[in-house]
C-alpha atoms as a PDB file:
ATOM      1  CA  MET A   1     -12.408  59.814 -48.850  1.00  0.00           C
ATOM      2  CA  GLU A   2     -12.092  62.353 -46.039  1.00  0.00           C
ATOM      3  CA  VAL A   3     -14.417  64.789 -47.503  1.00  0.00           C
ATOM      4  CA  SER A   4     -17.144  62.141 -47.671  1.00  0.00           C
ATOM      5  CA  VAL A   5     -16.141  61.159 -44.229  1.00  0.00           C
ATOM      6  CA  LEU A   6     -16.526  64.711 -43.165  1.00  0.00           C
ATOM      7  CA  ALA A   7     -19.756  65.350 -45.032  1.00  0.00           C
ATOM      8  CA  GLY A   8     -21.446  61.980 -43.522  1.00  0.00           C
ATOM      9  CA  LEU A   9     -20.231  63.416 -39.979  1.00  0.00           C
ATOM     10  CA  VAL A  10     -21.768  66.992 -40.627  1.00  0.00           C
ATOM     11  CA  GLY A  11     -25.040  65.416 -41.823  1.00  0.00           C
ATOM     12  CA  THR A  12     -25.235  63.405 -38.786  1.00  0.00           C
ATOM     13  CA  ILE A  13     -24.497  66.307 -36.524  1.00  0.00           C
ATOM     14  CA  ILE A  14     -27.070  68.309 -38.352  1.00  0.00           C
ATOM     15  CA  ALA A  15     -29.711  65.461 -38.134  1.00  0.00           C
ATOM     16  CA  VAL A  16     -28.927  65.304 -34.208  1.00  0.00           C
ATOM     17  CA  ILE A  17     -29.290  69.087 -33.857  1.00  0.00           C
ATOM     18  CA  THR A  18     -32.464  69.180 -35.597  1.00  0.00           C
ATOM     19  CA  SER A  19     -33.760  66.285 -33.480  1.00  0.00           C
ATOM     20  CA  ILE A  20     -32.776  68.058 -30.524  1.00  0.00           C
ATOM     21  CA  ILE A  21     -34.414  71.578 -31.651  1.00  0.00           C
ATOM     22  CA  SER A  22     -37.552  69.705 -32.714  1.00  0.00           C
ATOM     23  CA  LEU A  23     -37.682  67.938 -29.185  1.00  0.00           C
ATOM     24  CA  ALA A  24     -37.011  71.090 -27.180  1.00  0.00           C
ATOM     25  CA  TYR A  25     -39.782  72.867 -29.239  1.00  0.00           C
ATOM     26  CA  TRP A  26     -42.338  70.216 -28.593  1.00  0.00           C
ATOM     27  CA  LEU A  27     -41.372  69.789 -24.838  1.00  0.00           C
ATOM     28  CA  GLY A  28     -41.501  73.729 -24.659  1.00  0.00           C
ATOM     29  CA  ARG A  29     -44.926  73.632 -25.853  1.00  0.00           C
ATOM     30  CA  LYS A  30     -46.120  70.757 -23.679  1.00  0.00           C
ATOM     31  CA  PHE A  31     -44.559  72.503 -20.660  1.00  0.00           C
ATOM     32  CA  ALA A  32     -46.340  75.643 -21.785  1.00  0.00           C
ATOM     33  CA  ARG A  33     -49.703  74.002 -21.855  1.00  0.00           C
ATOM     34  CA  ILE A  34     -48.953  72.175 -18.416  1.00  0.00           C
ATOM     35  CA  ASP A  35     -48.029  75.550 -16.935  1.00  0.00           C
ATOM     36  CA  MET A  36     -51.335  77.064 -18.460  1.00  0.00           C
ATOM     37  CA  ARG A  37     -53.522  74.331 -16.892  1.00  0.00           C
ATOM     38  CA  LEU A  38     -51.778  74.477 -13.596  1.00  0.00           C
ATOM     39  CA  LYS A  39     -52.489  78.209 -13.453  1.00  0.00           C
ATOM     40  CA  GLN A  40     -56.092  77.460 -14.419  1.00  0.00           C
ATOM     41  CA  LEU A  41     -56.518  75.084 -11.567  1.00  0.00           C
ATOM     42  CA  GLU A  42     -54.772  77.462  -9.162  1.00  0.00           C
ATOM     43  CA  ARG A  43     -57.400  80.022 -10.018  1.00  0.00           C
ATOM     44  CA  GLU A  44     -60.331  77.517  -9.654  1.00  0.00           C
ATOM     45  CA  PHE A  45     -58.816  76.432  -6.338  1.00  0.00           C
ATOM     46  CA  ASP A  46     -58.274  80.057  -5.165  1.00  0.00           C
ATOM     47  CA  ALA A  47     -61.917  80.784  -6.316  1.00  0.00           C
ATOM     48  CA  ARG A  48     -63.406  77.914  -4.496  1.00  0.00           C
ATOM     49  CA  LEU A  49     -61.251  78.310  -1.218  1.00  0.00           C
ATOM     50  CA  GLN A  50     -62.761  81.934  -1.322  1.00  0.00           C
ATOM     51  CA  GLN A  51     -66.355  80.674  -1.558  1.00  0.00           C
ATOM     52  CA  LEU A  52     -65.718  78.139   1.302  1.00  0.00           C
ATOM     53  CA  GLU A  53     -64.094  80.887   3.369  1.00  0.00           C
ATOM     54  CA  GLU A  54     -67.205  83.193   2.875  1.00  0.00           C
ATOM     55  CA  ARG A  55     -69.477  80.464   3.701  1.00  0.00           C
ATOM     56  CA  PHE A  56     -67.451  79.492   6.757  1.00  0.00           C
ATOM     57  CA  ASP A  57     -67.662  83.107   7.922  1.00  0.00           C
ATOM     58  CA  MET A  58     -71.321  83.344   7.441  1.00  0.00           C
ATOM     59  CA  ARG A  59     -71.985  80.083   9.143  1.00  0.00           C
ATOM     60  CA  LEU A  60     -69.677  81.330  12.152  1.00  0.00           C
ATOM     61  CA  LYS A  61     -71.606  84.512  12.264  1.00  0.00           C
ATOM     62  CA  GLN A  62     -74.960  82.722  12.324  1.00  0.00           C
ATOM     63  CA  LEU A  63     -73.886  80.540  14.942  1.00  0.00           C
ATOM     64  CA  GLU A  64     -72.468  83.538  16.999  1.00  0.00           C
ATOM     65  CA  ARG A  65     -75.841  84.981  16.781  1.00  0.00           C
ATOM     66  CA  GLU A  66     -77.761  81.805  17.782  1.00  0.00           C
ATOM     67  CA  PHE A  67     -75.391  81.179  20.720  1.00  0.00           C
ATOM     68  CA  SER A  68     -76.096  84.808  21.952  1.00  0.00           C
ATOM     69  CA  VAL A  69     -79.761  84.432  21.651  1.00  0.00           C
ATOM     70  CA  GLY A  70     -79.471  81.109  23.599  1.00  0.00           C
ATOM     71  CA  PHE A  71     -77.258  82.615  26.145  1.00  0.00           C
ATOM     72  CA  GLN A  72     -79.570  85.519  26.685  1.00  0.00           C
ATOM     73  CA  GLN A  73     -82.536  83.195  26.965  1.00  0.00           C
ATOM     74  CA  LEU A  74     -80.581  81.026  29.433  1.00  0.00           C
ATOM     75  CA  GLU A  75     -79.588  84.178  31.531  1.00  0.00           C
ATOM     76  CA  ARG A  76     -83.386  85.201  31.765  1.00  0.00           C
ATOM     77  CA  ARG A  77     -84.439  81.779  33.020  1.00  0.00           C
ATOM     78  CA  ILE A  78     -81.585  81.852  35.601  1.00  0.00           C
ATOM     79  CA  ASP A  79     -82.810  85.209  36.680  1.00  0.00           C
ATOM     80  CA  SER A  80     -86.338  83.905  36.779  1.00  0.00           C
ATOM     81  CA  LEU A  81     -85.558  80.834  38.691  1.00  0.00           C
ATOM     82  CA  ALA A  82     -83.416  82.880  41.089  1.00  0.00           C
ATOM     83  CA  SER A  83     -86.219  85.319  41.858  1.00  0.00           C
ATOM     84  CA  PHE A  84     -88.689  82.568  42.279  1.00  0.00           C
ATOM     85  CA  THR A  85     -86.243  81.028  44.604  1.00  0.00           C
ATOM     86  CA  ARG A  86     -86.044  84.168  46.702  1.00  0.00           C
ATOM     87  CA  SER A  87     -89.742  84.802  46.724  1.00  0.00           C
ATOM     88  CA  THR A  88     -90.266  81.323  47.776  1.00  0.00           C
ATOM     89  CA  TYR A  89     -87.554  81.550  50.563  1.00  0.00           C
ATOM     90  CA  THR A  90     -89.095  84.880  51.866  1.00  0.00           C
ATOM     91  CA  LEU A  91     -92.612  83.357  51.779  1.00  0.00           C
ATOM     92  CA  LEU A  92     -91.334  80.369  53.720  1.00  0.00           C
ATOM     93  CA  ILE A  93     -89.695  82.634  56.452  1.00  0.00           C
ATOM     94  CA  ASP A  94     -92.825  84.989  56.639  1.00  0.00           C
ATOM     95  CA  PHE A  95     -95.147  82.028  57.014  1.00  0.00           C
ATOM     96  CA  MET A  96     -92.694  80.123  59.508  1.00  0.00           C
ATOM     97  CA  THR A  97     -92.531  83.343  61.477  1.00  0.00           C
ATOM     98  CA  MET A  98     -96.315  83.744  61.349  1.00  0.00           C
ATOM     99  CA  LYS A  99     -96.834  80.020  62.789  1.00  0.00           C
ATOM    100  CA  GLY A 100     -94.473  80.945  65.551  1.00  0.00           C
ATOM    101  CA  THR A 101     -91.801  78.422  64.293  1.00  0.00           C
ATOM    102  CA  ILE A 102     -89.224  81.003  63.812  1.00  0.00           C
ATOM    103  CA  HIS A 103     -88.834  84.029  66.257  1.00  0.00           C
ATOM    104  CA  LYS A 104     -88.464  87.676  64.939  1.00  0.00           C
ATOM    105  CA  ARG A 105     -85.066  87.670  65.737  1.00  0.00           C
ATOM    106  CA  GLY A 106     -84.239  84.469  63.663  1.00  0.00           C
ATOM    107  CA  GLU A 107     -86.428  85.974  60.927  1.00  0.00           C
ATOM    108  CA  SER A 108     -84.306  88.935  60.410  1.00  0.00           C
ATOM    109  CA  PHE A 109     -81.197  86.817  60.501  1.00  0.00           C
ATOM    110  CA  LEU A 110     -82.594  84.719  57.786  1.00  0.00           C
ATOM    111  CA  ASP A 111     -83.885  87.591  55.822  1.00  0.00           C
ATOM    112  CA  GLN A 112     -80.320  88.914  55.811  1.00  0.00           C
ATOM    113  CA  ARG A 113     -78.865  85.621  54.376  1.00  0.00           C
ATOM    114  CA  GLY A 114     -81.493  85.370  51.640  1.00  0.00           C
END
């Protein structure tokens, strides 16, 4: 009887070990597929991120160029307005001096400040 009990125990152990090995193999294949899929997703994510970075860099450079052009236009307009203001100021002083509203000493003082 001991042999039959021992044979039954060995059969059960072999069945359990076979099940464990089968499960480990199946899980290994599943994890390998999951790992492959994660690597594929990582590559796709990296590629998409690279595209976004390139688009961002291009857009940033475009905005920098547009800002530079706009700033230059603004500087020219400010310079033009300043020149116009100085010309108007000088013309007003000359006119007021001609009309006698301002004396020559006052004109030279005002010309120094303008």
